[in-house]
Amino acid sequence: MVFGRKGLELAISTIVILVISLAVLIGMIFLIKSGFISFDEGTDPFLRASGASAARAACGIACRAGDAGTFCCQNFSIGREEVLCTNNSLSVDCSLDCSAVVCS
């Protein structure tokens, strides 16, 4: 009977280890998934700011080059939003007349 007890103890400890491992795995999946969501929320303002500065620079170059087609018609992505160079949020000061430009 002593031999049977060792086998039973081994089976119980194996089951306990499997249950703990499964709990740890589920916890890690939950933490990783929620961690990526909070990471996305935390980096979104920085990505929007860098996108806005890149669009502002591109609009300034188009204005200095006199490229009214790009300045008046080209959409730039800032985060999840599409904006034109004429948008006030970019604060690009340009004297190009967009009323004469036909965007296709």
N, C-alpha and C. Protein backbone atom coordinates (compact mmCIF):
# COMPACT_ATOMS: atom_id res chain seq x y z
N MET A 1 0.80 -1.19 0.00
CA MET A 1 0.00 0.00 0.00
C MET A 1 0.85 1.27 0.00
N VAL A 2 2.02 1.24 0.51
CA VAL A 2 2.90 2.40 0.53
C VAL A 2 3.21 2.85 -0.89
N PHE A 3 3.35 1.89 -1.79
CA PHE A 3 3.66 2.20 -3.17
C PHE A 3 2.50 2.97 -3.82
N GLY A 4 1.28 2.63 -3.48
CA GLY A 4 0.10 3.30 -4.02
C GLY A 4 -0.03 4.73 -3.53
N ARG A 5 0.40 5.01 -2.33
CA ARG A 5 0.32 6.36 -1.79
C ARG A 5 1.23 7.32 -2.54
N LYS A 6 2.41 6.90 -2.88
CA LYS A 6 3.34 7.76 -3.64
C LYS A 6 2.72 8.14 -4.98
N GLY A 7 2.09 7.18 -5.62
CA GLY A 7 1.45 7.45 -6.90
C GLY A 7 0.31 8.44 -6.75
N LEU A 8 -0.46 8.34 -5.70
CA LEU A 8 -1.56 9.24 -5.45
C LEU A 8 -1.05 10.64 -5.14
N GLU A 9 0.00 10.76 -4.35
CA GLU A 9 0.58 12.05 -4.04
C GLU A 9 1.14 12.72 -5.29
N LEU A 10 1.74 11.97 -6.17
CA LEU A 10 2.28 12.50 -7.40
C LEU A 10 1.15 13.00 -8.29
N ALA A 11 0.06 12.29 -8.36
CA ALA A 11 -1.07 12.71 -9.19
C ALA A 11 -1.70 13.98 -8.65
N ILE A 12 -1.87 14.09 -7.34
CA ILE A 12 -2.46 15.28 -6.75
C ILE A 12 -1.55 16.49 -6.96
N SER A 13 -0.26 16.34 -6.75
CA SER A 13 0.65 17.46 -6.95
C SER A 13 0.71 17.88 -8.42
N THR A 14 0.60 16.93 -9.31
CA THR A 14 0.58 17.25 -10.74
C THR A 14 -0.67 18.04 -11.09
N ILE A 15 -1.80 17.63 -10.55
CA ILE A 15 -3.05 18.35 -10.81
C ILE A 15 -2.98 19.76 -10.24
N VAL A 16 -2.43 19.93 -9.04
CA VAL A 16 -2.30 21.25 -8.43
C VAL A 16 -1.40 22.14 -9.28
N ILE A 17 -0.29 21.60 -9.77
CA ILE A 17 0.63 22.36 -10.61
C ILE A 17 -0.05 22.77 -11.91
N LEU A 18 -0.83 21.87 -12.51
CA LEU A 18 -1.55 22.18 -13.74
C LEU A 18 -2.58 23.29 -13.52
N VAL A 19 -3.30 23.24 -12.41
CA VAL A 19 -4.30 24.27 -12.11
C VAL A 19 -3.62 25.62 -11.90
N ILE A 20 -2.54 25.64 -11.16
CA ILE A 20 -1.80 26.89 -10.93
C ILE A 20 -1.24 27.43 -12.25
N SER A 21 -0.69 26.56 -13.07
CA SER A 21 -0.14 26.98 -14.36
C SER A 21 -1.23 27.56 -15.26
N LEU A 22 -2.39 26.95 -15.27
CA LEU A 22 -3.50 27.44 -16.07
C LEU A 22 -3.95 28.82 -15.57
N ALA A 23 -4.00 29.00 -14.26
CA ALA A 23 -4.39 30.29 -13.69
C ALA A 23 -3.37 31.37 -14.05
N VAL A 24 -2.10 31.03 -13.99
CA VAL A 24 -1.05 31.99 -14.36
C VAL A 24 -1.15 32.34 -15.84
N LEU A 25 -1.39 31.36 -16.69
CA LEU A 25 -1.51 31.60 -18.12
C LEU A 25 -2.69 32.51 -18.44
N ILE A 26 -3.83 32.26 -17.81
CA ILE A 26 -5.00 33.12 -18.03
C ILE A 26 -4.72 34.54 -17.52
N GLY A 27 -4.07 34.65 -16.39
CA GLY A 27 -3.71 35.97 -15.86
C GLY A 27 -2.76 36.72 -16.78
N MET A 28 -1.79 36.02 -17.33
CA MET A 28 -0.83 36.67 -18.25
C MET A 28 -1.53 37.13 -19.53
N ILE A 29 -2.43 36.32 -20.05
CA ILE A 29 -3.17 36.71 -21.25
C ILE A 29 -4.00 37.96 -20.97
N PHE A 30 -4.66 37.99 -19.83
CA PHE A 30 -5.47 39.15 -19.46
C PHE A 30 -4.59 40.39 -19.31
N LEU A 31 -3.47 40.28 -18.63
CA LEU A 31 -2.59 41.42 -18.41
C LEU A 31 -1.98 41.92 -19.71
N ILE A 32 -1.59 41.02 -20.58
CA ILE A 32 -1.01 41.44 -21.85
C ILE A 32 -2.05 42.13 -22.71
N LYS A 33 -3.24 41.58 -22.76
CA LYS A 33 -4.29 42.17 -23.58
C LYS A 33 -4.67 43.56 -23.05
N SER A 34 -4.89 43.69 -21.78
CA SER A 34 -5.25 44.99 -21.22
C SER A 34 -4.05 45.94 -21.23
N GLY A 35 -2.85 45.39 -21.17
CA GLY A 35 -1.65 46.23 -21.23
C GLY A 35 -1.49 46.89 -22.58
N PHE A 36 -1.80 46.16 -23.66
CA PHE A 36 -1.71 46.75 -24.98
C PHE A 36 -2.76 47.82 -25.19
N ILE A 37 -3.94 47.63 -24.61
CA ILE A 37 -4.98 48.64 -24.72
C ILE A 37 -4.55 49.92 -24.01
N SER A 38 -4.02 49.79 -22.80
CA SER A 38 -3.59 50.98 -22.08
C SER A 38 -2.35 51.59 -22.72
N PHE A 39 -1.50 50.77 -23.34
CA PHE A 39 -0.33 51.30 -24.06
C PHE A 39 -0.80 52.14 -25.24
N ASP A 40 -1.80 51.66 -25.97
CA ASP A 40 -2.33 52.40 -27.11
C ASP A 40 -2.94 53.73 -26.65
N GLU A 41 -3.68 53.70 -25.54
CA GLU A 41 -4.27 54.93 -25.01
C GLU A 41 -3.20 55.90 -24.53
N GLY A 42 -2.12 55.36 -24.00
CA GLY A 42 -1.05 56.22 -23.49
C GLY A 42 -0.19 56.84 -24.57
N THR A 43 -0.02 56.16 -25.69
CA THR A 43 0.83 56.69 -26.76
C THR A 43 0.06 57.48 -27.80
N ASP A 44 -1.27 57.41 -27.80
CA ASP A 44 -2.06 58.10 -28.81
C ASP A 44 -1.79 59.60 -28.86
N PRO A 45 -1.72 60.32 -27.73
CA PRO A 45 -1.44 61.76 -27.82
C PRO A 45 -0.08 62.07 -28.46
N PHE A 46 0.92 61.25 -28.18
CA PHE A 46 2.23 61.48 -28.77
C PHE A 46 2.22 61.23 -30.27
N LEU A 47 1.51 60.17 -30.69
CA LEU A 47 1.42 59.87 -32.11
C LEU A 47 0.64 60.95 -32.85
N ARG A 48 -0.41 61.47 -32.23
CA ARG A 48 -1.18 62.55 -32.86
C ARG A 48 -0.32 63.81 -32.98
N ALA A 49 0.47 64.11 -31.97
CA ALA A 49 1.31 65.30 -32.01
C ALA A 49 2.38 65.17 -33.09
N SER A 50 2.98 64.01 -33.20
CA SER A 50 4.01 63.84 -34.23
C SER A 50 3.39 63.85 -35.62
N GLY A 51 2.16 63.30 -35.77
CA GLY A 51 1.46 63.34 -37.05
C GLY A 51 1.09 64.76 -37.43
N ALA A 52 0.68 65.56 -36.45
CA ALA A 52 0.33 66.95 -36.72
C ALA A 52 1.55 67.76 -37.12
N SER A 53 2.68 67.52 -36.47
CA SER A 53 3.89 68.27 -36.82
C SER A 53 4.40 67.87 -38.21
N ALA A 54 4.26 66.60 -38.57
CA ALA A 54 4.67 66.16 -39.90
C ALA A 54 3.76 66.77 -40.96
N ALA A 55 2.44 66.80 -40.71
CA ALA A 55 1.50 67.40 -41.65
C ALA A 55 1.75 68.90 -41.76
N ARG A 56 2.02 69.55 -40.64
CA ARG A 56 2.31 70.99 -40.65
C ARG A 56 3.56 71.29 -41.48
N ALA A 57 4.58 70.46 -41.33
CA ALA A 57 5.81 70.65 -42.11
C ALA A 57 5.57 70.42 -43.59
N ALA A 58 4.80 69.39 -43.94
CA ALA A 58 4.49 69.12 -45.35
C ALA A 58 3.67 70.25 -45.95
N CYS A 59 2.73 70.78 -45.20
CA CYS A 59 1.93 71.89 -45.69
C CYS A 59 2.77 73.15 -45.88
N GLY A 60 3.70 73.38 -44.97
CA GLY A 60 4.60 74.53 -45.11
C GLY A 60 5.48 74.41 -46.34
N ILE A 61 5.95 73.22 -46.62
CA ILE A 61 6.79 73.00 -47.81
C ILE A 61 5.95 73.21 -49.07
N ALA A 62 4.71 72.70 -49.08
CA ALA A 62 3.84 72.88 -50.24
C ALA A 62 3.52 74.35 -50.45
N CYS A 63 3.33 75.09 -49.39
CA CYS A 63 3.05 76.52 -49.49
C CYS A 63 4.25 77.28 -50.05
N ARG A 64 5.43 77.03 -49.50
CA ARG A 64 6.64 77.71 -49.98
C ARG A 64 6.95 77.37 -51.43
N ALA A 65 6.59 76.15 -51.85
CA ALA A 65 6.84 75.73 -53.23
C ALA A 65 5.75 76.24 -54.18
N GLY A 66 4.66 76.77 -53.62
CA GLY A 66 3.56 77.25 -54.45
C GLY A 66 2.71 76.12 -55.02
N ASP A 67 2.74 74.99 -54.38
CA ASP A 67 2.00 73.82 -54.83
C ASP A 67 0.58 73.87 -54.25
N ALA A 68 -0.31 74.58 -54.97
CA ALA A 68 -1.67 74.76 -54.49
C ALA A 68 -2.45 73.45 -54.50
N GLY A 69 -2.16 72.56 -55.41
CA GLY A 69 -2.86 71.27 -55.47
C GLY A 69 -2.64 70.46 -54.20
N THR A 70 -1.41 70.39 -53.77
CA THR A 70 -1.10 69.66 -52.53
C THR A 70 -1.64 70.41 -51.32
N PHE A 71 -1.43 71.71 -51.29
CA PHE A 71 -1.83 72.50 -50.13
C PHE A 71 -3.35 72.50 -49.95
N CYS A 72 -4.09 72.57 -51.03
CA CYS A 72 -5.55 72.70 -50.92
C CYS A 72 -6.30 71.38 -50.99
N CYS A 73 -5.71 70.34 -51.58
CA CYS A 73 -6.47 69.11 -51.85
C CYS A 73 -5.95 67.87 -51.12
N GLN A 74 -4.70 67.85 -50.71
CA GLN A 74 -4.11 66.66 -50.12
C GLN A 74 -4.57 66.46 -48.68
N ASN A 75 -5.14 65.29 -48.39
CA ASN A 75 -5.53 64.94 -47.02
C ASN A 75 -4.33 64.37 -46.27
N PHE A 76 -4.17 64.76 -45.03
CA PHE A 76 -3.13 64.23 -44.17
C PHE A 76 -3.80 63.54 -42.98
N SER A 77 -3.27 62.39 -42.60
CA SER A 77 -3.83 61.63 -41.48
C SER A 77 -3.17 62.06 -40.18
N ILE A 78 -3.99 62.46 -39.25
CA ILE A 78 -3.51 62.79 -37.90
C ILE A 78 -4.33 61.94 -36.95
N GLY A 79 -3.70 60.90 -36.45
CA GLY A 79 -4.43 59.93 -35.64
C GLY A 79 -5.42 59.20 -36.51
N ARG A 80 -6.69 59.33 -36.20
CA ARG A 80 -7.74 58.69 -37.00
C ARG A 80 -8.51 59.72 -37.82
N GLU A 81 -7.99 60.91 -37.92
CA GLU A 81 -8.68 62.02 -38.58
C GLU A 81 -7.92 62.45 -39.83
N GLU A 82 -8.66 62.80 -40.88
CA GLU A 82 -8.07 63.31 -42.12
C GLU A 82 -8.26 64.82 -42.13
N VAL A 83 -7.17 65.58 -42.36
CA VAL A 83 -7.26 67.03 -42.39
C VAL A 83 -6.55 67.57 -43.63
N LEU A 84 -6.97 68.75 -44.04
CA LEU A 84 -6.33 69.48 -45.13
C LEU A 84 -5.38 70.51 -44.54
N CYS A 85 -4.49 71.02 -45.37
CA CYS A 85 -3.56 72.07 -44.90
C CYS A 85 -4.30 73.33 -44.50
N THR A 86 -5.48 73.54 -45.05
CA THR A 86 -6.26 74.73 -44.73
C THR A 86 -6.94 74.65 -43.37
N ASN A 87 -6.85 73.50 -42.71
CA ASN A 87 -7.46 73.31 -41.40
C ASN A 87 -6.77 74.22 -40.38
N ASN A 88 -7.56 74.90 -39.57
CA ASN A 88 -7.01 75.84 -38.58
C ASN A 88 -6.19 75.14 -37.50
N SER A 89 -6.43 73.86 -37.26
CA SER A 89 -5.70 73.16 -36.20
C SER A 89 -4.23 72.98 -36.54
N LEU A 90 -3.89 73.04 -37.84
CA LEU A 90 -2.48 72.91 -38.22
C LEU A 90 -1.73 74.24 -38.11
N SER A 91 -2.44 75.35 -38.10
CA SER A 91 -1.85 76.69 -37.96
C SER A 91 -0.78 76.96 -39.02
N VAL A 92 -1.11 76.67 -40.27
CA VAL A 92 -0.18 76.97 -41.37
C VAL A 92 -0.61 78.28 -41.99
N ASP A 93 0.29 79.25 -41.98
CA ASP A 93 0.00 80.56 -42.54
C ASP A 93 0.50 80.58 -43.98
N CYS A 94 -0.44 80.66 -44.93
CA CYS A 94 -0.08 80.59 -46.33
C CYS A 94 -0.97 81.53 -47.13
N SER A 95 -0.42 82.11 -48.19
CA SER A 95 -1.17 83.06 -49.00
C SER A 95 -1.73 82.42 -50.28
N LEU A 96 -1.63 81.10 -50.41
CA LEU A 96 -2.19 80.44 -51.60
C LEU A 96 -3.71 80.54 -51.58
N ASP A 97 -4.32 80.78 -52.75
CA ASP A 97 -5.77 80.91 -52.87
C ASP A 97 -6.34 79.55 -53.27
N CYS A 98 -7.03 78.93 -52.34
CA CYS A 98 -7.59 77.59 -52.60
C CYS A 98 -8.93 77.66 -53.33
N SER A 99 -9.51 78.83 -53.46
CA SER A 99 -10.81 78.94 -54.14
C SER A 99 -10.65 78.72 -55.64
N ALA A 100 -9.47 78.94 -56.18
CA ALA A 100 -9.24 78.75 -57.62
C ALA A 100 -8.80 77.34 -57.96
N VAL A 101 -8.54 76.51 -56.96
CA VAL A 101 -8.03 75.16 -57.18
C VAL A 101 -9.18 74.18 -57.27
N VAL A 102 -9.13 73.31 -58.30
CA VAL A 102 -10.14 72.28 -58.46
C VAL A 102 -9.53 70.96 -58.03
N CYS A 103 -10.05 70.39 -56.97
CA CYS A 103 -9.54 69.11 -56.46
C CYS A 103 -10.27 67.98 -57.18
N SER A 104 -9.50 66.99 -57.60
CA SER A 104 -10.12 65.88 -58.31
C SER A 104 -10.41 64.71 -57.41
